[in-house]
Amino acid sequence: MRARIWLTGAALGAALLTGGTVATAQAAPAPSEAGAQHVDVGSFPSLSACQSFGSASVYSDWYCQKIGTKWHLLVDLNS
């Protein structure tokens, strides 16, 4: 649990440092699993940056979604 909290904090901090914005907890529909709660943990200027943070995370269920001009990393906190 500590690792998840630390990683989420690190991702949010990195998003701020790279010029991204941090969204408050915001649920989004899951593309693969019905019923999964995905939370927006940050936004990134490019898809590759979003995917990099997603693949380095401790979460097994994550995806990147383009909202406006930014890419948002959405994770299932229970995965």
PDB file of N, CA and C in Angstrom:
ATOM      1  N   MET A   1       0.828  -1.192   0.000  1.00  0.00           N
ATOM      2  CA  MET A   1       0.000   0.000   0.000  1.00  0.00           C
ATOM      3  C   MET A   1       0.870   1.252   0.000  1.00  0.00           C
ATOM      4  N   ARG A   2       1.945   1.249   0.790  1.00  0.00           N
ATOM      5  CA  ARG A   2       2.832   2.404   0.824  1.00  0.00           C
ATOM      6  C   ARG A   2       3.447   2.668  -0.546  1.00  0.00           C
ATOM      7  N   ALA A   3       3.771   1.576  -1.252  1.00  0.00           N
ATOM      8  CA  ALA A   3       4.373   1.733  -2.576  1.00  0.00           C
ATOM      9  C   ALA A   3       3.394   2.395  -3.535  1.00  0.00           C
ATOM     10  N   ARG A   4       2.128   2.043  -3.446  1.00  0.00           N
ATOM     11  CA  ARG A   4       1.128   2.654  -4.332  1.00  0.00           C
ATOM     12  C   ARG A   4       0.979   4.140  -4.040  1.00  0.00           C
ATOM     13  N   ILE A   5       0.940   4.477  -2.762  1.00  0.00           N
ATOM     14  CA  ILE A   5       0.807   5.885  -2.390  1.00  0.00           C
ATOM     15  C   ILE A   5       2.039   6.656  -2.836  1.00  0.00           C
ATOM     16  N   TRP A   6       3.226   6.073  -2.631  1.00  0.00           N
ATOM     17  CA  TRP A   6       4.457   6.745  -3.032  1.00  0.00           C
ATOM     18  C   TRP A   6       4.488   6.939  -4.539  1.00  0.00           C
ATOM     19  N   LEU A   7       4.138   5.898  -5.287  1.00  0.00           N
ATOM     20  CA  LEU A   7       4.188   5.988  -6.742  1.00  0.00           C
ATOM     21  C   LEU A   7       3.180   6.996  -7.268  1.00  0.00           C
ATOM     22  N   THR A   8       2.006   7.026  -6.687  1.00  0.00           N
ATOM     23  CA  THR A   8       1.012   8.013  -7.106  1.00  0.00           C
ATOM     24  C   THR A   8       1.525   9.417  -6.845  1.00  0.00           C
ATOM     25  N   GLY A   9       2.138   9.625  -5.674  1.00  0.00           N
ATOM     26  CA  GLY A   9       2.728  10.931  -5.355  1.00  0.00           C
ATOM     27  C   GLY A   9       3.848  11.290  -6.306  1.00  0.00           C
ATOM     28  N   ALA A  10       4.683  10.314  -6.642  1.00  0.00           N
ATOM     29  CA  ALA A  10       5.788  10.562  -7.571  1.00  0.00           C
ATOM     30  C   ALA A  10       5.259  10.920  -8.961  1.00  0.00           C
ATOM     31  N   ALA A  11       4.222  10.217  -9.405  1.00  0.00           N
ATOM     32  CA  ALA A  11       3.648  10.506 -10.725  1.00  0.00           C
ATOM     33  C   ALA A  11       3.025  11.898 -10.757  1.00  0.00           C
ATOM     34  N   LEU A  12       2.357  12.262  -9.675  1.00  0.00           N
ATOM     35  CA  LEU A  12       1.750  13.589  -9.616  1.00  0.00           C
ATOM     36  C   LEU A  12       2.826  14.666  -9.587  1.00  0.00           C
ATOM     37  N   GLY A  13       3.880  14.442  -8.809  1.00  0.00           N
ATOM     38  CA  GLY A  13       4.980  15.404  -8.752  1.00  0.00           C
ATOM     39  C   GLY A  13       5.668  15.551 -10.094  1.00  0.00           C
ATOM     40  N   ALA A  14       5.895  14.432 -10.763  1.00  0.00           N
ATOM     41  CA  ALA A  14       6.539  14.481 -12.071  1.00  0.00           C
ATOM     42  C   ALA A  14       5.659  15.185 -13.091  1.00  0.00           C
ATOM     43  N   ALA A  15       4.359  14.975 -12.995  1.00  0.00           N
ATOM     44  CA  ALA A  15       3.443  15.644 -13.924  1.00  0.00           C
ATOM     45  C   ALA A  15       3.529  17.157 -13.736  1.00  0.00           C
ATOM     46  N   LEU A  16       3.623  17.583 -12.501  1.00  0.00           N
ATOM     47  CA  LEU A  16       3.742  19.019 -12.244  1.00  0.00           C
ATOM     48  C   LEU A  16       5.061  19.569 -12.764  1.00  0.00           C
ATOM     49  N   LEU A  17       6.142  18.812 -12.565  1.00  0.00           N
ATOM     50  CA  LEU A  17       7.456  19.273 -13.011  1.00  0.00           C
ATOM     51  C   LEU A  17       7.566  19.340 -14.528  1.00  0.00           C
ATOM     52  N   THR A  18       6.856  18.458 -15.230  1.00  0.00           N
ATOM     53  CA  THR A  18       6.926  18.451 -16.693  1.00  0.00           C
ATOM     54  C   THR A  18       5.910  19.387 -17.323  1.00  0.00           C
ATOM     55  N   GLY A  19       5.239  20.166 -16.496  1.00  0.00           N
ATOM     56  CA  GLY A  19       4.295  21.140 -17.032  1.00  0.00           C
ATOM     57  C   GLY A  19       2.883  20.620 -17.158  1.00  0.00           C
ATOM     58  N   GLY A  20       2.640  19.418 -16.673  1.00  0.00           N
ATOM     59  CA  GLY A  20       1.296  18.867 -16.721  1.00  0.00           C
ATOM     60  C   GLY A  20       0.463  19.429 -15.587  1.00  0.00           C
ATOM     61  N   THR A  21      -0.789  19.112 -15.625  1.00  0.00           N
ATOM     62  CA  THR A  21      -1.662  19.533 -14.537  1.00  0.00           C
ATOM     63  C   THR A  21      -2.133  18.305 -13.798  1.00  0.00           C
ATOM     64  N   VAL A  22      -2.429  18.457 -12.544  1.00  0.00           N
ATOM     65  CA  VAL A  22      -2.898  17.342 -11.744  1.00  0.00           C
ATOM     66  C   VAL A  22      -4.387  17.510 -11.517  1.00  0.00           C
ATOM     67  N   ALA A  23      -5.123  16.505 -11.878  1.00  0.00           N
ATOM     68  CA  ALA A  23      -6.569  16.552 -11.701  1.00  0.00           C
ATOM     69  C   ALA A  23      -6.923  15.965 -10.340  1.00  0.00           C
ATOM     70  N   THR A  24      -8.021  16.398  -9.813  1.00  0.00           N
ATOM     71  CA  THR A  24      -8.518  15.784  -8.591  1.00  0.00           C
ATOM     72  C   THR A  24      -9.064  14.414  -8.940  1.00  0.00           C
ATOM     73  N   ALA A  25      -9.335  13.609  -7.953  1.00  0.00           N
ATOM     74  CA  ALA A  25      -9.838  12.267  -8.208  1.00  0.00           C
ATOM     75  C   ALA A  25     -11.082  12.357  -9.085  1.00  0.00           C
ATOM     76  N   GLN A  26     -10.977  11.760 -10.242  1.00  0.00           N
ATOM     77  CA  GLN A  26     -12.037  11.886 -11.230  1.00  0.00           C
ATOM     78  C   GLN A  26     -12.199  10.543 -11.907  1.00  0.00           C
ATOM     79  N   ALA A  27     -13.347   9.944 -11.749  1.00  0.00           N
ATOM     80  CA  ALA A  27     -13.581   8.636 -12.340  1.00  0.00           C
ATOM     81  C   ALA A  27     -13.825   8.763 -13.835  1.00  0.00           C
ATOM     82  N   ALA A  28     -13.377   7.766 -14.562  1.00  0.00           N
ATOM     83  CA  ALA A  28     -13.592   7.716 -16.007  1.00  0.00           C
ATOM     84  C   ALA A  28     -14.058   6.314 -16.366  1.00  0.00           C
ATOM     85  N   PRO A  29     -14.762   6.159 -17.447  1.00  0.00           N
ATOM     86  CA  PRO A  29     -15.210   4.825 -17.816  1.00  0.00           C
ATOM     87  C   PRO A  29     -14.029   3.938 -18.207  1.00  0.00           C
ATOM     88  N   ALA A  30     -14.085   2.717 -17.793  1.00  0.00           N
ATOM     89  CA  ALA A  30     -13.011   1.773 -18.114  1.00  0.00           C
ATOM     90  C   ALA A  30     -13.237   1.203 -19.505  1.00  0.00           C
ATOM     91  N   PRO A  31     -12.207   1.191 -20.332  1.00  0.00           N
ATOM     92  CA  PRO A  31     -12.383   0.655 -21.678  1.00  0.00           C
ATOM     93  C   PRO A  31     -12.432  -0.863 -21.709  1.00  0.00           C
ATOM     94  N   SER A  32     -11.825  -1.540 -20.722  1.00  0.00           N
ATOM     95  CA  SER A  32     -11.727  -2.991 -20.798  1.00  0.00           C
ATOM     96  C   SER A  32     -12.592  -3.723 -19.790  1.00  0.00           C
ATOM     97  N   GLU A  33     -12.771  -3.172 -18.604  1.00  0.00           N
ATOM     98  CA  GLU A  33     -13.504  -3.874 -17.567  1.00  0.00           C
ATOM     99  C   GLU A  33     -14.724  -3.072 -17.130  1.00  0.00           C
ATOM    100  N   ALA A  34     -15.854  -3.702 -17.141  1.00  0.00           N
ATOM    101  CA  ALA A  34     -17.051  -3.039 -16.621  1.00  0.00           C
ATOM    102  C   ALA A  34     -16.971  -3.063 -15.103  1.00  0.00           C
ATOM    103  N   GLY A  35     -17.259  -1.955 -14.474  1.00  0.00           N
ATOM    104  CA  GLY A  35     -17.259  -1.890 -13.028  1.00  0.00           C
ATOM    105  C   GLY A  35     -15.957  -1.432 -12.408  1.00  0.00           C
ATOM    106  N   ALA A  36     -14.878  -1.361 -13.138  1.00  0.00           N
ATOM    107  CA  ALA A  36     -13.608  -0.906 -12.584  1.00  0.00           C
ATOM    108  C   ALA A  36     -13.655   0.609 -12.423  1.00  0.00           C
ATOM    109  N   GLN A  37     -13.124   1.106 -11.321  1.00  0.00           N
ATOM    110  CA  GLN A  37     -13.076   2.541 -11.068  1.00  0.00           C
ATOM    111  C   GLN A  37     -11.698   3.065 -11.448  1.00  0.00           C
ATOM    112  N   HIS A  38     -11.612   3.815 -12.494  1.00  0.00           N
ATOM    113  CA  HIS A  38     -10.353   4.401 -12.925  1.00  0.00           C
ATOM    114  C   HIS A  38     -10.288   5.845 -12.451  1.00  0.00           C
ATOM    115  N   VAL A  39      -9.132   6.218 -11.923  1.00  0.00           N
ATOM    116  CA  VAL A  39      -8.918   7.547 -11.378  1.00  0.00           C
ATOM    117  C   VAL A  39      -7.841   8.241 -12.206  1.00  0.00           C
ATOM    118  N   ASP A  40      -8.089   9.477 -12.542  1.00  0.00           N
ATOM    119  CA  ASP A  40      -7.134  10.292 -13.292  1.00  0.00           C
ATOM    120  C   ASP A  40      -6.052  10.758 -12.323  1.00  0.00           C
ATOM    121  N   VAL A  41      -4.818  10.272 -12.506  1.00  0.00           N
ATOM    122  CA  VAL A  41      -3.736  10.623 -11.587  1.00  0.00           C
ATOM    123  C   VAL A  41      -2.806  11.691 -12.140  1.00  0.00           C
ATOM    124  N   GLY A  42      -3.031  12.140 -13.361  1.00  0.00           N
ATOM    125  CA  GLY A  42      -2.204  13.213 -13.899  1.00  0.00           C
ATOM    126  C   GLY A  42      -2.327  13.343 -15.395  1.00  0.00           C
ATOM    127  N   SER A  43      -1.824  14.464 -15.895  1.00  0.00           N
ATOM    128  CA  SER A  43      -1.858  14.684 -17.339  1.00  0.00           C
ATOM    129  C   SER A  43      -0.445  14.917 -17.840  1.00  0.00           C
ATOM    130  N   PHE A  44      -0.231  14.570 -19.100  1.00  0.00           N
ATOM    131  CA  PHE A  44       1.088  14.607 -19.706  1.00  0.00           C
ATOM    132  C   PHE A  44       0.995  15.229 -21.092  1.00  0.00           C
ATOM    133  N   PRO A  45       2.081  15.848 -21.541  1.00  0.00           N
ATOM    134  CA  PRO A  45       2.044  16.513 -22.837  1.00  0.00           C
ATOM    135  C   PRO A  45       2.068  15.551 -24.032  1.00  0.00           C
ATOM    136  N   SER A  46       2.496  14.291 -23.804  1.00  0.00           N
ATOM    137  CA  SER A  46       2.573  13.351 -24.918  1.00  0.00           C
ATOM    138  C   SER A  46       2.107  11.962 -24.485  1.00  0.00           C
ATOM    139  N   LEU A  47       1.713  11.164 -25.466  1.00  0.00           N
ATOM    140  CA  LEU A  47       1.282   9.798 -25.200  1.00  0.00           C
ATOM    141  C   LEU A  47       2.441   8.978 -24.644  1.00  0.00           C
ATOM    142  N   SER A  48       3.633   9.159 -25.182  1.00  0.00           N
ATOM    143  CA  SER A  48       4.773   8.366 -24.718  1.00  0.00           C
ATOM    144  C   SER A  48       5.095   8.650 -23.253  1.00  0.00           C
ATOM    145  N   ALA A  49       4.980   9.899 -22.829  1.00  0.00           N
ATOM    146  CA  ALA A  49       5.229  10.234 -21.421  1.00  0.00           C
ATOM    147  C   ALA A  49       4.178   9.579 -20.536  1.00  0.00           C
ATOM    148  N   CYS A  50       2.933   9.604 -20.960  1.00  0.00           N
ATOM    149  CA  CYS A  50       1.843   8.978 -20.204  1.00  0.00           C
ATOM    150  C   CYS A  50       2.070   7.471 -20.093  1.00  0.00           C
ATOM    151  N   GLN A  51       2.399   6.835 -21.200  1.00  0.00           N
ATOM    152  CA  GLN A  51       2.622   5.394 -21.201  1.00  0.00           C
ATOM    153  C   GLN A  51       3.835   5.012 -20.359  1.00  0.00           C
ATOM    154  N   SER A  52       4.844   5.856 -20.357  1.00  0.00           N
ATOM    155  CA  SER A  52       6.033   5.603 -19.555  1.00  0.00           C
ATOM    156  C   SER A  52       5.682   5.557 -18.075  1.00  0.00           C
ATOM    157  N   PHE A  53       4.906   6.519 -17.616  1.00  0.00           N
ATOM    158  CA  PHE A  53       4.492   6.530 -16.215  1.00  0.00           C
ATOM    159  C   PHE A  53       3.554   5.370 -15.918  1.00  0.00           C
ATOM    160  N   GLY A  54       2.673   5.040 -16.845  1.00  0.00           N
ATOM    161  CA  GLY A  54       1.753   3.918 -16.626  1.00  0.00           C
ATOM    162  C   GLY A  54       2.481   2.597 -16.510  1.00  0.00           C
ATOM    163  N   SER A  55       3.453   2.361 -17.385  1.00  0.00           N
ATOM    164  CA  SER A  55       4.172   1.086 -17.347  1.00  0.00           C
ATOM    165  C   SER A  55       5.089   0.991 -16.136  1.00  0.00           C
ATOM    166  N   ALA A  56       5.527   2.122 -15.590  1.00  0.00           N
ATOM    167  CA  ALA A  56       6.388   2.112 -14.409  1.00  0.00           C
ATOM    168  C   ALA A  56       5.587   2.045 -13.111  1.00  0.00           C
ATOM    169  N   SER A  57       4.286   2.131 -13.218  1.00  0.00           N
ATOM    170  CA  SER A  57       3.458   2.149 -12.014  1.00  0.00           C
ATOM    171  C   SER A  57       3.282   0.743 -11.446  1.00  0.00           C
ATOM    172  N   VAL A  58       2.798   0.682 -10.218  1.00  0.00           N
ATOM    173  CA  VAL A  58       2.527  -0.604  -9.572  1.00  0.00           C
ATOM    174  C   VAL A  58       1.143  -1.124  -9.940  1.00  0.00           C
ATOM    175  N   TYR A  59       0.405  -0.364 -10.702  1.00  0.00           N
ATOM    176  CA  TYR A  59      -0.950  -0.757 -11.071  1.00  0.00           C
ATOM    177  C   TYR A  59      -0.933  -1.593 -12.331  1.00  0.00           C
ATOM    178  N   SER A  60      -1.704  -2.675 -12.318  1.00  0.00           N
ATOM    179  CA  SER A  60      -1.752  -3.533 -13.496  1.00  0.00           C
ATOM    180  C   SER A  60      -2.810  -3.064 -14.488  1.00  0.00           C
ATOM    181  N   ASP A  61      -3.785  -2.307 -14.015  1.00  0.00           N
ATOM    182  CA  ASP A  61      -4.871  -1.847 -14.882  1.00  0.00           C
ATOM    183  C   ASP A  61      -4.787  -0.329 -15.025  1.00  0.00           C
ATOM    184  N   TRP A  62      -4.252   0.121 -16.139  1.00  0.00           N
ATOM    185  CA  TRP A  62      -4.114   1.555 -16.411  1.00  0.00           C
ATOM    186  C   TRP A  62      -4.248   1.781 -17.908  1.00  0.00           C
ATOM    187  N   TYR A  63      -4.541   3.005 -18.280  1.00  0.00           N
ATOM    188  CA  TYR A  63      -4.558   3.375 -19.687  1.00  0.00           C
ATOM    189  C   TYR A  63      -4.409   4.881 -19.822  1.00  0.00           C
ATOM    190  N   CYS A  64      -4.031   5.317 -21.002  1.00  0.00           N
ATOM    191  CA  CYS A  64      -3.889   6.736 -21.300  1.00  0.00           C
ATOM    192  C   CYS A  64      -5.044   7.154 -22.209  1.00  0.00           C
ATOM    193  N   GLN A  65      -5.581   8.320 -21.924  1.00  0.00           N
ATOM    194  CA  GLN A  65      -6.706   8.827 -22.716  1.00  0.00           C
ATOM    195  C   GLN A  65      -6.444  10.295 -23.021  1.00  0.00           C
ATOM    196  N   LYS A  66      -6.652  10.685 -24.259  1.00  0.00           N
ATOM    197  CA  LYS A  66      -6.471  12.082 -24.633  1.00  0.00           C
ATOM    198  C   LYS A  66      -7.733  12.866 -24.298  1.00  0.00           C
ATOM    199  N   ILE A  67      -7.546  13.896 -23.491  1.00  0.00           N
ATOM    200  CA  ILE A  67      -8.637  14.789 -23.115  1.00  0.00           C
ATOM    201  C   ILE A  67      -8.169  16.196 -23.434  1.00  0.00           C
ATOM    202  N   GLY A  68      -8.801  16.803 -24.396  1.00  0.00           N
ATOM    203  CA  GLY A  68      -8.344  18.124 -24.854  1.00  0.00           C
ATOM    204  C   GLY A  68      -7.008  17.974 -25.557  1.00  0.00           C
ATOM    205  N   THR A  69      -6.008  18.701 -25.088  1.00  0.00           N
ATOM    206  CA  THR A  69      -4.684  18.632 -25.709  1.00  0.00           C
ATOM    207  C   THR A  69      -3.700  17.809 -24.891  1.00  0.00           C
ATOM    208  N   LYS A  70      -4.126  17.276 -23.763  1.00  0.00           N
ATOM    209  CA  LYS A  70      -3.241  16.530 -22.860  1.00  0.00           C
ATOM    210  C   LYS A  70      -3.624  15.048 -22.825  1.00  0.00           C
ATOM    211  N   TRP A  71      -2.642  14.213 -22.482  1.00  0.00           N
ATOM    212  CA  TRP A  71      -2.866  12.791 -22.271  1.00  0.00           C
ATOM    213  C   TRP A  71      -2.985  12.551 -20.777  1.00  0.00           C
ATOM    214  N   HIS A  72      -4.032  11.854 -20.367  1.00  0.00           N
ATOM    215  CA  HIS A  72      -4.295  11.601 -18.949  1.00  0.00           C
ATOM    216  C   HIS A  72      -4.052  10.133 -18.633  1.00  0.00           C
ATOM    217  N   LEU A  73      -3.369   9.886 -17.517  1.00  0.00           N
ATOM    218  CA  LEU A  73      -3.129   8.534 -17.035  1.00  0.00           C
ATOM    219  C   LEU A  73      -4.237   8.177 -16.067  1.00  0.00           C
ATOM    220  N   LEU A  74      -4.984   7.134 -16.410  1.00  0.00           N
ATOM    221  CA  LEU A  74      -6.080   6.666 -15.569  1.00  0.00           C
ATOM    222  C   LEU A  74      -5.722   5.280 -15.048  1.00  0.00           C
ATOM    223  N   VAL A  75      -5.831   5.094 -13.746  1.00  0.00           N
ATOM    224  CA  VAL A  75      -5.476   3.821 -13.126  1.00  0.00           C
ATOM    225  C   VAL A  75      -6.634   3.312 -12.284  1.00  0.00           C
ATOM    226  N   ASP A  76      -6.709   1.988 -12.178  1.00  0.00           N
ATOM    227  CA  ASP A  76      -7.641   1.349 -11.253  1.00  0.00           C
ATOM    228  C   ASP A  76      -6.872   1.145  -9.968  1.00  0.00           C
ATOM    229  N   LEU A  77      -7.211   1.878  -8.917  1.00  0.00           N
ATOM    230  CA  LEU A  77      -6.471   1.827  -7.664  1.00  0.00           C
ATOM    231  C   LEU A  77      -6.551   0.467  -6.984  1.00  0.00           C
ATOM    232  N   ASN A  78      -7.458  -0.374  -7.427  1.00  0.00           N
ATOM    233  CA  ASN A  78      -7.597  -1.715  -6.850  1.00  0.00           C
ATOM    234  C   ASN A  78      -6.825  -2.778  -7.622  1.00  0.00           C
ATOM    235  N   SER A  79      -6.101  -2.371  -8.643  1.00  0.00           N
ATOM    236  CA  SER A  79      -5.385  -3.375  -9.444  1.00  0.00           C
ATOM    237  C   SER A  79      -3.942  -3.512  -8.990  1.00  0.00           C
TER     238      SER A  79
END
